Amino acid sequence: MTATLDTPTAQSDTAAAVTLSGVRKSFGHGAHAVTALDGVDLRVAPGEFVCLLGASGCGKSTLLNLVAGLDQPTAGSIELTTSRPAVMFQEAALMPWLTAARNVELPLRLAGLKRGPRRAKASELLSLVRLAEAGGKRPHELSGGMRQRVALARALASTLGSAEDGTPGLLLMDEPFAALDAITRDVLQAELVRVWRETSTAILFVTHDVREAVRLGQRVVLLSSRPGRVVREWSTAGVGGAADEAELISDVTAHLREVISGHAAA
């Protein structure tokens, strides 16, 4: 069976891909200030796959932006053991004038990697996401699912580049499959798990889909409604089959509904 925790797990002293301690984020000032996150404690171990779940507006995307360095916390601290986490969004956001291979090369080029090695790395990563034959195509020639695979390869180019000195890679994913049809989403979920296992990259994956969180993550973390705090965690290590998965999905869904109901009643 799965392990459930009513309160967040204690933070250990071992190295982590990212550690958030007492993170608070407010927008605006004075009486008009809005607090999106308040007192978030979260640790993602090297190579761990963590899914972050919560109601709309609970601060999931804000938390990812803080970890990515796109914004700064109002209070608390964020410690990274990788200097260059990569972010993957709902939209692939590929450069339309570049081929798939050149899109994957872009972060390597910005990192100063010479042409030969970066082309070899881009080819390797496209093969990893099963797009070895698509390197010469531009985004408009690819399906939505293929564009997301290219975006994944490009994100991995950044994280693997930061991992070459021995530090763990970190991939931040903000509902990357939400805009895809159900069949394509299922395929890409399976592909993501395969790529994660092959690369050992730590992943912090934001979703509003309980089933997706349970199927992908080693750990599911639930945020409260605004201001977001970690209120519960589940390990998926004990999921042994369809019955266990269904039970865990039901339990997570029930607690998510409590969070949403509590927010609506406030």
C-alpha atoms as a PDB file:
ATOM      1  CA  MET A   1       0.000   0.000   0.000  1.00  0.00           C
ATOM      2  CA  THR A   2       1.011   3.632  -0.329  1.00  0.00           C
ATOM      3  CA  ALA A   3       2.466   5.695   2.469  1.00  0.00           C
ATOM      4  CA  THR A   4       0.605   8.872   3.355  1.00  0.00           C
ATOM      5  CA  LEU A   5       1.694  11.738   5.549  1.00  0.00           C
ATOM      6  CA  ASP A   6      -0.609  14.254   7.205  1.00  0.00           C
ATOM      7  CA  THR A   7       2.235  16.754   7.487  1.00  0.00           C
ATOM      8  CA  PRO A   8       5.249  17.422   5.270  1.00  0.00           C
ATOM      9  CA  THR A   9       8.199  15.115   5.722  1.00  0.00           C
ATOM     10  CA  ALA A  10      11.147  16.368   7.745  1.00  0.00           C
ATOM     11  CA  GLN A  11      13.936  17.804   5.650  1.00  0.00           C
ATOM     12  CA  SER A  12      17.147  15.781   5.772  1.00  0.00           C
ATOM     13  CA  ASP A  13      20.681  17.125   5.709  1.00  0.00           C
ATOM     14  CA  THR A  14      21.673  15.148   2.620  1.00  0.00           C
ATOM     15  CA  ALA A  15      22.263  16.890  -0.705  1.00  0.00           C
ATOM     16  CA  ALA A  16      19.146  17.832  -2.641  1.00  0.00           C
ATOM     17  CA  ALA A  17      18.479  19.008  -6.176  1.00  0.00           C
ATOM     18  CA  VAL A  18      16.447  21.841  -4.631  1.00  0.00           C
ATOM     19  CA  THR A  19      15.398  22.752  -1.079  1.00  0.00           C
ATOM     20  CA  LEU A  20      12.759  25.360  -0.242  1.00  0.00           C
ATOM     21  CA  SER A  21      12.700  26.565   3.373  1.00  0.00           C
ATOM     22  CA  GLY A  22       9.941  28.837   4.672  1.00  0.00           C
ATOM     23  CA  VAL A  23       9.348  30.300   1.226  1.00  0.00           C
ATOM     24  CA  ARG A  24       6.880  33.162   1.071  1.00  0.00           C
ATOM     25  CA  LYS A  25       5.867  35.143  -2.002  1.00  0.00           C
ATOM     26  CA  SER A  26       3.665  38.243  -1.988  1.00  0.00           C
ATOM     27  CA  PHE A  27       2.703  40.490  -4.874  1.00  0.00           C
ATOM     28  CA  GLY A  28       2.024  44.174  -4.305  1.00  0.00           C
ATOM     29  CA  HIS A  29       2.415  46.208  -1.144  1.00  0.00           C
ATOM     30  CA  GLY A  30       0.441  47.209   1.926  1.00  0.00           C
ATOM     31  CA  ALA A  31      -3.271  46.569   2.065  1.00  0.00           C
ATOM     32  CA  HIS A  32      -3.336  45.547  -1.584  1.00  0.00           C
ATOM     33  CA  ALA A  33      -0.676  42.859  -1.242  1.00  0.00           C
ATOM     34  CA  VAL A  34      -1.614  39.319  -2.294  1.00  0.00           C
ATOM     35  CA  THR A  35       0.266  36.420  -0.736  1.00  0.00           C
ATOM     36  CA  ALA A  36       0.573  33.516  -3.175  1.00  0.00           C
ATOM     37  CA  LEU A  37       2.819  31.261  -1.075  1.00  0.00           C
ATOM     38  CA  ASP A  38       3.408  31.280   2.666  1.00  0.00           C
ATOM     39  CA  GLY A  39       5.852  29.054   4.560  1.00  0.00           C
ATOM     40  CA  VAL A  40       6.541  26.451   1.873  1.00  0.00           C
ATOM     41  CA  ASP A  41       9.017  23.744   2.896  1.00  0.00           C
ATOM     42  CA  LEU A  42       9.885  21.286   0.156  1.00  0.00           C
ATOM     43  CA  ARG A  43      12.872  19.152  -0.764  1.00  0.00           C
ATOM     44  CA  VAL A  44      13.442  17.331  -4.052  1.00  0.00           C
ATOM     45  CA  ALA A  45      16.210  14.746  -3.918  1.00  0.00           C
ATOM     46  CA  PRO A  46      18.630  14.201  -6.801  1.00  0.00           C
ATOM     47  CA  GLY A  47      16.896  12.121  -9.456  1.00  0.00           C
ATOM     48  CA  GLU A  48      13.514  12.269  -7.686  1.00  0.00           C
ATOM     49  CA  PHE A  49      10.232  12.772  -9.567  1.00  0.00           C
ATOM     50  CA  VAL A  50       7.879  14.959  -7.495  1.00  0.00           C
ATOM     51  CA  CYS A  51       4.409  16.022  -8.645  1.00  0.00           C
ATOM     52  CA  LEU A  52       2.987  19.234  -7.209  1.00  0.00           C
ATOM     53  CA  LEU A  53      -0.795  19.250  -7.024  1.00  0.00           C
ATOM     54  CA  GLY A  54      -3.315  21.871  -5.995  1.00  0.00           C
ATOM     55  CA  ALA A  55      -6.351  23.908  -6.929  1.00  0.00           C
ATOM     56  CA  SER A  56      -6.151  26.672  -9.508  1.00  0.00           C
ATOM     57  CA  GLY A  57      -4.520  29.769  -8.070  1.00  0.00           C
ATOM     58  CA  CYS A  58      -2.778  27.983  -5.192  1.00  0.00           C
ATOM     59  CA  GLY A  59       0.682  29.126  -6.268  1.00  0.00           C
ATOM     60  CA  LYS A  60       2.001  26.062  -8.137  1.00  0.00           C
ATOM     61  CA  SER A  61       3.314  28.027 -11.097  1.00  0.00           C
ATOM     62  CA  THR A  62       4.598  30.789  -8.820  1.00  0.00           C
ATOM     63  CA  LEU A  63       6.620  28.194  -6.920  1.00  0.00           C
ATOM     64  CA  LEU A  64       8.129  26.895 -10.170  1.00  0.00           C
ATOM     65  CA  ASN A  65       9.031  30.428 -11.253  1.00  0.00           C
ATOM     66  CA  LEU A  66      10.824  30.971  -7.942  1.00  0.00           C
ATOM     67  CA  VAL A  67      12.811  27.755  -8.271  1.00  0.00           C
ATOM     68  CA  ALA A  68      13.683  28.659 -11.856  1.00  0.00           C
ATOM     69  CA  GLY A  69      14.998  32.035 -10.734  1.00  0.00           C
ATOM     70  CA  LEU A  70      12.431  33.923 -12.819  1.00  0.00           C
ATOM     71  CA  ASP A  71      11.269  35.665  -9.633  1.00  0.00           C
ATOM     72  CA  GLN A  72      12.533  36.038  -6.083  1.00  0.00           C
ATOM     73  CA  PRO A  73      10.816  34.964  -2.825  1.00  0.00           C
ATOM     74  CA  THR A  74       9.604  37.635  -0.430  1.00  0.00           C
ATOM     75  CA  ALA A  75      10.937  35.559   2.463  1.00  0.00           C
ATOM     76  CA  GLY A  76      12.592  32.196   3.022  1.00  0.00           C
ATOM     77  CA  SER A  77      15.302  30.540   0.982  1.00  0.00           C
ATOM     78  CA  ILE A  78      15.722  28.340  -2.091  1.00  0.00           C
ATOM     79  CA  GLU A  79      18.913  26.290  -2.400  1.00  0.00           C
ATOM     80  CA  LEU A  80      19.866  24.627  -5.662  1.00  0.00           C
ATOM     81  CA  THR A  81      22.681  22.211  -6.386  1.00  0.00           C
ATOM     82  CA  THR A  82      22.300  22.908 -10.095  1.00  0.00           C
ATOM     83  CA  SER A  83      22.886  26.416 -11.379  1.00  0.00           C
ATOM     84  CA  ARG A  84      20.726  26.037 -14.440  1.00  0.00           C
ATOM     85  CA  PRO A  85      17.333  24.370 -13.936  1.00  0.00           C
ATOM     86  CA  ALA A  86      15.272  24.080 -17.106  1.00  0.00           C
ATOM     87  CA  VAL A  87      11.576  24.901 -17.431  1.00  0.00           C
ATOM     88  CA  MET A  88       9.021  23.255 -19.714  1.00  0.00           C
ATOM     89  CA  PHE A  89       5.592  24.875 -20.164  1.00  0.00           C
ATOM     90  CA  GLN A  90       2.226  23.936 -21.698  1.00  0.00           C
ATOM     91  CA  GLU A  91       3.343  25.475 -24.978  1.00  0.00           C
ATOM     92  CA  ALA A  92       6.489  24.104 -26.567  1.00  0.00           C
ATOM     93  CA  ALA A  93       7.701  27.681 -27.258  1.00  0.00           C
ATOM     94  CA  LEU A  94      10.105  26.531 -29.970  1.00  0.00           C
ATOM     95  CA  MET A  95      11.827  29.042 -32.227  1.00  0.00           C
ATOM     96  CA  PRO A  96       9.750  28.727 -35.429  1.00  0.00           C
ATOM     97  CA  TRP A  97      12.626  29.632 -37.750  1.00  0.00           C
ATOM     98  CA  LEU A  98      14.922  26.945 -36.327  1.00  0.00           C
ATOM     99  CA  THR A  99      14.843  23.227 -37.053  1.00  0.00           C
ATOM    100  CA  ALA A 100      14.146  20.777 -34.238  1.00  0.00           C
ATOM    101  CA  ALA A 101      17.863  20.046 -33.944  1.00  0.00           C
ATOM    102  CA  ARG A 102      18.792  23.725 -33.801  1.00  0.00           C
ATOM    103  CA  ASN A 103      16.145  24.326 -31.132  1.00  0.00           C
ATOM    104  CA  VAL A 104      17.724  21.593 -29.010  1.00  0.00           C
ATOM    105  CA  GLU A 105      21.167  23.023 -29.653  1.00  0.00           C
ATOM    106  CA  LEU A 106      20.183  26.506 -28.507  1.00  0.00           C
ATOM    107  CA  PRO A 107      20.842  26.150 -24.731  1.00  0.00           C
ATOM    108  CA  LEU A 108      24.103  24.343 -25.520  1.00  0.00           C
ATOM    109  CA  ARG A 109      25.149  27.177 -27.797  1.00  0.00           C
ATOM    110  CA  LEU A 110      24.298  29.735 -25.128  1.00  0.00           C
ATOM    111  CA  ALA A 111      26.394  27.681 -22.680  1.00  0.00           C
ATOM    112  CA  GLY A 112      29.387  28.037 -25.002  1.00  0.00           C
ATOM    113  CA  LEU A 113      29.581  24.466 -26.298  1.00  0.00           C
ATOM    114  CA  LYS A 114      31.366  24.242 -29.652  1.00  0.00           C
ATOM    115  CA  ARG A 115      29.491  23.294 -32.806  1.00  0.00           C
ATOM    116  CA  GLY A 116      30.614  19.671 -33.103  1.00  0.00           C
ATOM    117  CA  PRO A 117      29.889  18.600 -29.514  1.00  0.00           C
ATOM    118  CA  ARG A 118      26.582  20.465 -29.332  1.00  0.00           C
ATOM    119  CA  ARG A 119      25.323  18.918 -32.585  1.00  0.00           C
ATOM    120  CA  ALA A 120      26.289  15.491 -31.315  1.00  0.00           C
ATOM    121  CA  LYS A 121      24.481  16.154 -28.008  1.00  0.00           C
ATOM    122  CA  ALA A 122      21.374  17.476 -29.807  1.00  0.00           C
ATOM    123  CA  SER A 123      21.289  14.366 -31.987  1.00  0.00           C
ATOM    124  CA  GLU A 124      21.647  12.169 -28.919  1.00  0.00           C
ATOM    125  CA  LEU A 125      18.791  13.935 -27.140  1.00  0.00           C
ATOM    126  CA  LEU A 126      16.476  13.797 -30.146  1.00  0.00           C
ATOM    127  CA  SER A 127      17.139  10.071 -30.306  1.00  0.00           C
ATOM    128  CA  LEU A 128      16.341   9.845 -26.583  1.00  0.00           C
ATOM    129  CA  VAL A 129      12.872  11.339 -27.199  1.00  0.00           C
ATOM    130  CA  ARG A 130      12.465   9.168 -30.325  1.00  0.00           C
ATOM    131  CA  LEU A 131      12.723  11.969 -32.870  1.00  0.00           C
ATOM    132  CA  ALA A 132      16.024  11.018 -34.476  1.00  0.00           C
ATOM    133  CA  GLU A 133      14.595  11.472 -37.978  1.00  0.00           C
ATOM    134  CA  ALA A 134      12.933  14.830 -37.258  1.00  0.00           C
ATOM    135  CA  GLY A 135      16.006  16.954 -36.582  1.00  0.00           C
ATOM    136  CA  GLY A 136      15.764  18.791 -39.899  1.00  0.00           C
ATOM    137  CA  LYS A 137      12.077  19.681 -39.564  1.00  0.00           C
ATOM    138  CA  ARG A 138      10.770  23.030 -38.353  1.00  0.00           C
ATOM    139  CA  PRO A 139       8.081  23.276 -35.637  1.00  0.00           C
ATOM    140  CA  HIS A 140       5.193  23.840 -38.060  1.00  0.00           C
ATOM    141  CA  GLU A 141       6.013  20.498 -39.700  1.00  0.00           C
ATOM    142  CA  LEU A 142       5.607  18.612 -36.417  1.00  0.00           C
ATOM    143  CA  SER A 143       2.526  17.510 -34.482  1.00  0.00           C
ATOM    144  CA  GLY A 144       1.745  18.972 -31.062  1.00  0.00           C
ATOM    145  CA  GLY A 145       3.102  15.887 -29.329  1.00  0.00           C
ATOM    146  CA  MET A 146       6.290  15.961 -31.406  1.00  0.00           C
ATOM    147  CA  ARG A 147       6.820  19.641 -30.598  1.00  0.00           C
ATOM    148  CA  GLN A 148       6.568  18.838 -26.885  1.00  0.00           C
ATOM    149  CA  ARG A 149       9.158  16.086 -27.338  1.00  0.00           C
ATOM    150  CA  VAL A 150      11.487  18.594 -28.941  1.00  0.00           C
ATOM    151  CA  ALA A 151      10.834  20.962 -26.022  1.00  0.00           C
ATOM    152  CA  LEU A 152      11.688  18.130 -23.626  1.00  0.00           C
ATOM    153  CA  ALA A 153      14.929  17.425 -25.484  1.00  0.00           C
ATOM    154  CA  ARG A 154      15.796  21.128 -25.363  1.00  0.00           C
ATOM    155  CA  ALA A 155      15.112  21.265 -21.613  1.00  0.00           C
ATOM    156  CA  LEU A 156      17.276  18.188 -21.082  1.00  0.00           C
ATOM    157  CA  ALA A 157      20.068  19.850 -23.068  1.00  0.00           C
ATOM    158  CA  SER A 158      20.117  22.533 -20.395  1.00  0.00           C
ATOM    159  CA  THR A 159      19.807  20.242 -17.369  1.00  0.00           C
ATOM    160  CA  LEU A 160      22.362  17.739 -18.618  1.00  0.00           C
ATOM    161  CA  GLY A 161      24.748  20.569 -19.315  1.00  0.00           C
ATOM    162  CA  SER A 162      24.555  21.618 -15.669  1.00  0.00           C
ATOM    163  CA  ALA A 163      24.979  18.009 -14.560  1.00  0.00           C
ATOM    164  CA  GLU A 164      28.280  17.425 -16.356  1.00  0.00           C
ATOM    165  CA  ASP A 165      30.236  18.656 -13.336  1.00  0.00           C
ATOM    166  CA  GLY A 166      28.604  16.017 -11.149  1.00  0.00           C
ATOM    167  CA  THR A 167      25.669  18.065  -9.827  1.00  0.00           C
ATOM    168  CA  PRO A 168      22.154  16.708 -10.423  1.00  0.00           C
ATOM    169  CA  GLY A 169      20.031  18.075 -13.236  1.00  0.00           C
ATOM    170  CA  LEU A 170      16.661  19.659 -12.411  1.00  0.00           C
ATOM    171  CA  LEU A 171      13.705  19.884 -14.774  1.00  0.00           C
ATOM    172  CA  LEU A 172      10.704  22.072 -13.882  1.00  0.00           C
ATOM    173  CA  MET A 173       7.523  21.172 -15.758  1.00  0.00           C
ATOM    174  CA  ASP A 174       4.400  23.361 -15.657  1.00  0.00           C
ATOM    175  CA  GLU A 175       1.466  21.256 -16.917  1.00  0.00           C
ATOM    176  CA  PRO A 176       3.372  20.378 -20.118  1.00  0.00           C
ATOM    177  CA  PHE A 177       0.746  17.945 -21.428  1.00  0.00           C
ATOM    178  CA  ALA A 178      -2.435  19.823 -20.466  1.00  0.00           C
ATOM    179  CA  ALA A 179      -3.127  21.136 -23.985  1.00  0.00           C
ATOM    180  CA  LEU A 180      -2.750  17.740 -25.690  1.00  0.00           C
ATOM    181  CA  ASP A 181      -5.434  15.202 -26.523  1.00  0.00           C
ATOM    182  CA  ALA A 182      -5.859  12.255 -24.162  1.00  0.00           C
ATOM    183  CA  ILE A 183      -4.084   9.663 -26.312  1.00  0.00           C
ATOM    184  CA  THR A 184      -1.074  11.881 -27.018  1.00  0.00           C
ATOM    185  CA  ARG A 185      -0.923  12.844 -23.332  1.00  0.00           C
ATOM    186  CA  ASP A 186      -0.819   9.175 -22.267  1.00  0.00           C
ATOM    187  CA  VAL A 187       1.956   8.455 -24.763  1.00  0.00           C
ATOM    188  CA  LEU A 188       4.046  11.403 -23.633  1.00  0.00           C
ATOM    189  CA  GLN A 189       3.556  10.560 -19.963  1.00  0.00           C
ATOM    190  CA  ALA A 190       5.042   7.120 -20.651  1.00  0.00           C
ATOM    191  CA  GLU A 191       7.853   8.695 -22.676  1.00  0.00           C
ATOM    192  CA  LEU A 192       8.634  11.148 -19.896  1.00  0.00           C
ATOM    193  CA  VAL A 193       8.956   8.339 -17.344  1.00  0.00           C
ATOM    194  CA  ARG A 194      11.265   6.452 -19.704  1.00  0.00           C
ATOM    195  CA  VAL A 195      13.451   9.520 -20.300  1.00  0.00           C
ATOM    196  CA  TRP A 196      13.532  10.307 -16.564  1.00  0.00           C
ATOM    197  CA  ARG A 197      14.715   6.785 -15.767  1.00  0.00           C
ATOM    198  CA  GLU A 198      17.421   6.959 -18.425  1.00  0.00           C
ATOM    199  CA  THR A 199      18.761  10.372 -17.399  1.00  0.00           C
ATOM    200  CA  SER A 200      18.188  10.391 -13.586  1.00  0.00           C
ATOM    201  CA  THR A 201      17.185  14.050 -13.834  1.00  0.00           C
ATOM    202  CA  ALA A 202      15.228  15.400 -10.857  1.00  0.00           C
ATOM    203  CA  ILE A 203      11.763  16.578 -11.918  1.00  0.00           C
ATOM    204  CA  LEU A 204       9.322  18.939 -10.208  1.00  0.00           C
ATOM    205  CA  PHE A 205       6.093  18.515 -12.176  1.00  0.00           C
ATOM    206  CA  VAL A 206       3.099  20.819 -11.682  1.00  0.00           C
ATOM    207  CA  THR A 207      -0.333  19.455 -12.553  1.00  0.00           C
ATOM    208  CA  HIS A 208      -4.003  19.784 -11.613  1.00  0.00           C
ATOM    209  CA  ASP A 209      -4.679  16.185 -12.723  1.00  0.00           C
ATOM    210  CA  VAL A 210      -4.659  13.722  -9.794  1.00  0.00           C
ATOM    211  CA  ARG A 211      -4.386  10.669 -12.036  1.00  0.00           C
ATOM    212  CA  GLU A 212      -1.399  12.166 -13.853  1.00  0.00           C
ATOM    213  CA  ALA A 213       0.303  13.032 -10.560  1.00  0.00           C
ATOM    214  CA  VAL A 214      -0.127   9.511  -9.163  1.00  0.00           C
ATOM    215  CA  ARG A 215       0.998   7.782 -12.349  1.00  0.00           C
ATOM    216  CA  LEU A 216       4.100   9.932 -12.859  1.00  0.00           C
ATOM    217  CA  GLY A 217       5.436  10.939  -9.465  1.00  0.00           C
ATOM    218  CA  GLN A 218       7.392   9.045  -6.863  1.00  0.00           C
ATOM    219  CA  ARG A 219       5.880  11.540  -4.464  1.00  0.00           C
ATOM    220  CA  VAL A 220       2.714  13.642  -4.731  1.00  0.00           C
ATOM    221  CA  VAL A 221       2.713  16.936  -2.826  1.00  0.00           C
ATOM    222  CA  LEU A 222      -0.547  18.799  -2.185  1.00  0.00           C
ATOM    223  CA  LEU A 223      -0.617  22.573  -1.754  1.00  0.00           C
ATOM    224  CA  SER A 224      -3.366  24.356   0.144  1.00  0.00           C
ATOM    225  CA  SER A 225      -5.433  27.037  -1.518  1.00  0.00           C
ATOM    226  CA  ARG A 226      -3.952  30.529  -1.509  1.00  0.00           C
ATOM    227  CA  PRO A 227      -1.703  31.197   0.203  1.00  0.00           C
ATOM    228  CA  GLY A 228      -0.112  27.937  -0.843  1.00  0.00           C
ATOM    229  CA  ARG A 229       1.478  25.703   1.790  1.00  0.00           C
ATOM    230  CA  VAL A 230       2.435  22.029   1.693  1.00  0.00           C
ATOM    231  CA  VAL A 231      -0.393  20.313   3.561  1.00  0.00           C
ATOM    232  CA  ARG A 232       0.022  16.647   2.653  1.00  0.00           C
ATOM    233  CA  GLU A 233       2.318  14.248   0.826  1.00  0.00           C
ATOM    234  CA  TRP A 234       1.935  10.736  -0.565  1.00  0.00           C
ATOM    235  CA  SER A 235       4.569   8.238  -1.651  1.00  0.00           C
ATOM    236  CA  THR A 236       3.674   6.096  -4.660  1.00  0.00           C
ATOM    237  CA  ALA A 237       6.326   3.499  -3.842  1.00  0.00           C
ATOM    238  CA  GLY A 238       3.759   0.994  -2.598  1.00  0.00           C
ATOM    239  CA  VAL A 239       1.433   1.151  -5.607  1.00  0.00           C
ATOM    240  CA  GLY A 240       1.367  -2.438  -6.808  1.00  0.00           C
ATOM    241  CA  GLY A 241      -1.443  -2.497  -9.349  1.00  0.00           C
ATOM    242  CA  ALA A 242      -4.693  -0.982 -10.570  1.00  0.00           C
ATOM    243  CA  ALA A 243      -6.484  -1.415  -7.237  1.00  0.00           C
ATOM    244  CA  ASP A 244      -3.724   0.351  -5.275  1.00  0.00           C
ATOM    245  CA  GLU A 245      -3.548   3.121  -7.864  1.00  0.00           C
ATOM    246  CA  ALA A 246      -7.310   3.652  -7.758  1.00  0.00           C
ATOM    247  CA  GLU A 247      -7.239   3.773  -3.951  1.00  0.00           C
ATOM    248  CA  LEU A 248      -4.474   6.370  -3.925  1.00  0.00           C
ATOM    249  CA  ILE A 249      -6.171   8.464  -6.602  1.00  0.00           C
ATOM    250  CA  SER A 250      -9.362   8.409  -4.520  1.00  0.00           C
ATOM    251  CA  ASP A 251      -7.505   9.462  -1.369  1.00  0.00           C
ATOM    252  CA  VAL A 252      -5.636  12.305  -3.083  1.00  0.00           C
ATOM    253  CA  THR A 253      -8.816  13.483  -4.809  1.00  0.00           C
ATOM    254  CA  ALA A 254     -10.694  13.560  -1.497  1.00  0.00           C
ATOM    255  CA  HIS A 255      -8.041  15.756   0.117  1.00  0.00           C
ATOM    256  CA  LEU A 256      -7.868  18.015  -2.936  1.00  0.00           C
ATOM    257  CA  ARG A 257     -11.643  18.496  -2.711  1.00  0.00           C
ATOM    258  CA  GLU A 258     -11.292  19.380   0.993  1.00  0.00           C
ATOM    259  CA  VAL A 259      -8.736  22.041   0.073  1.00  0.00           C
ATOM    260  CA  ILE A 260     -10.972  23.474  -2.641  1.00  0.00           C
ATOM    261  CA  SER A 261     -14.070  23.378  -0.414  1.00  0.00           C
ATOM    262  CA  GLY A 262     -12.244  25.075   2.428  1.00  0.00           C
ATOM    263  CA  HIS A 263     -11.126  27.853   0.090  1.00  0.00           C
ATOM    264  CA  ALA A 264     -14.653  28.323  -1.282  1.00  0.00           C
ATOM    265  CA  ALA A 265     -16.085  28.558   2.237  1.00  0.00           C
ATOM    266  CA  ALA A 266     -13.506  31.109   3.397  1.00  0.00           C
END
